[in-house]
Amino acid sequence: MNFFLRLFIRQWLGVVLAALAPVVLVAFLSIPYSLGGHPGEERTLAASGTQHMT
């Protein structure tokens, strides 16, 4: 493979990974936080004996 082609591919992959890293990080941190747990985990039901019925 040509040296310049290899250099171009390495730089291109670096830019793509640098752009995708924040997106993946935000997705894997914010989605479980907003759901209150990871998708697929069993959720415990809160014992709420005092519900306000309006």
C-alpha atoms as a PDB file:
ATOM      1  CA  MET A   1       0.000   0.000   0.000  1.00  0.00           C
ATOM      2  CA  ASN A   2       1.233   3.475  -0.792  1.00  0.00           C
ATOM      3  CA  PHE A   3       2.704   5.476   2.113  1.00  0.00           C
ATOM      4  CA  PHE A   4       0.458   8.481   1.483  1.00  0.00           C
ATOM      5  CA  LEU A   5      -2.660   6.323   1.224  1.00  0.00           C
ATOM      6  CA  ARG A   6      -1.796   4.643   4.524  1.00  0.00           C
ATOM      7  CA  LEU A   7      -1.215   8.058   6.118  1.00  0.00           C
ATOM      8  CA  PHE A   8      -4.527   9.355   4.742  1.00  0.00           C
ATOM      9  CA  ILE A   9      -6.465   6.341   6.040  1.00  0.00           C
ATOM     10  CA  ARG A  10      -4.851   6.661   9.468  1.00  0.00           C
ATOM     11  CA  GLN A  11      -5.721  10.375   9.668  1.00  0.00           C
ATOM     12  CA  TRP A  12      -9.261   9.774   8.377  1.00  0.00           C
ATOM     13  CA  LEU A  13      -9.876   7.036  10.963  1.00  0.00           C
ATOM     14  CA  GLY A  14      -8.527   9.310  13.675  1.00  0.00           C
ATOM     15  CA  VAL A  15     -10.988  12.049  12.740  1.00  0.00           C
ATOM     16  CA  VAL A  16     -13.911   9.620  12.523  1.00  0.00           C
ATOM     17  CA  LEU A  17     -13.120   8.045  15.900  1.00  0.00           C
ATOM     18  CA  ALA A  18     -12.603  11.454  17.498  1.00  0.00           C
ATOM     19  CA  ALA A  19     -16.027  12.532  16.225  1.00  0.00           C
ATOM     20  CA  LEU A  20     -17.801   9.339  17.298  1.00  0.00           C
ATOM     21  CA  ALA A  21     -16.262   9.073  20.768  1.00  0.00           C
ATOM     22  CA  PRO A  22     -18.299  11.937  22.332  1.00  0.00           C
ATOM     23  CA  VAL A  23     -21.495  10.681  20.696  1.00  0.00           C
ATOM     24  CA  VAL A  24     -21.028   7.167  22.048  1.00  0.00           C
ATOM     25  CA  LEU A  25     -20.001   8.469  25.461  1.00  0.00           C
ATOM     26  CA  VAL A  26     -23.061  10.705  25.772  1.00  0.00           C
ATOM     27  CA  ALA A  27     -25.411   7.980  24.537  1.00  0.00           C
ATOM     28  CA  PHE A  28     -24.128   5.327  26.944  1.00  0.00           C
ATOM     29  CA  LEU A  29     -24.180   7.720  29.889  1.00  0.00           C
ATOM     30  CA  SER A  30     -27.366   9.706  29.318  1.00  0.00           C
ATOM     31  CA  ILE A  31     -29.766   6.983  28.182  1.00  0.00           C
ATOM     32  CA  PRO A  32     -29.358   4.782  31.305  1.00  0.00           C
ATOM     33  CA  TYR A  33     -29.519   7.902  33.487  1.00  0.00           C
ATOM     34  CA  SER A  34     -32.797   9.044  31.939  1.00  0.00           C
ATOM     35  CA  LEU A  35     -34.273   5.531  32.109  1.00  0.00           C
ATOM     36  CA  GLY A  36     -33.201   5.048  35.710  1.00  0.00           C
ATOM     37  CA  GLY A  37     -31.079   2.013  34.858  1.00  0.00           C
ATOM     38  CA  HIS A  38     -29.655   0.086  31.960  1.00  0.00           C
ATOM     39  CA  PRO A  39     -32.091  -1.229  29.338  1.00  0.00           C
ATOM     40  CA  GLY A  40     -32.889  -4.851  30.086  1.00  0.00           C
ATOM     41  CA  GLU A  41     -32.267  -4.624  33.810  1.00  0.00           C
ATOM     42  CA  GLU A  42     -35.061  -5.693  36.091  1.00  0.00           C
ATOM     43  CA  ARG A  43     -36.601  -2.687  37.759  1.00  0.00           C
ATOM     44  CA  THR A  44     -37.755  -2.702  41.345  1.00  0.00           C
ATOM     45  CA  LEU A  45     -41.190  -1.305  41.960  1.00  0.00           C
ATOM     46  CA  ALA A  46     -41.233   1.451  44.513  1.00  0.00           C
ATOM     47  CA  ALA A  47     -43.619   0.794  47.378  1.00  0.00           C
ATOM     48  CA  SER A  48     -45.799   3.841  47.148  1.00  0.00           C
ATOM     49  CA  GLY A  49     -48.644   3.545  49.597  1.00  0.00           C
ATOM     50  CA  THR A  50     -49.507   7.220  49.493  1.00  0.00           C
ATOM     51  CA  GLN A  51     -50.570   8.112  45.995  1.00  0.00           C
ATOM     52  CA  HIS A  52     -52.407  11.300  45.383  1.00  0.00           C
ATOM     53  CA  MET A  53     -55.429  10.561  43.210  1.00  0.00           C
ATOM     54  CA  THR A  54     -56.554  13.730  41.484  1.00  0.00           C
END
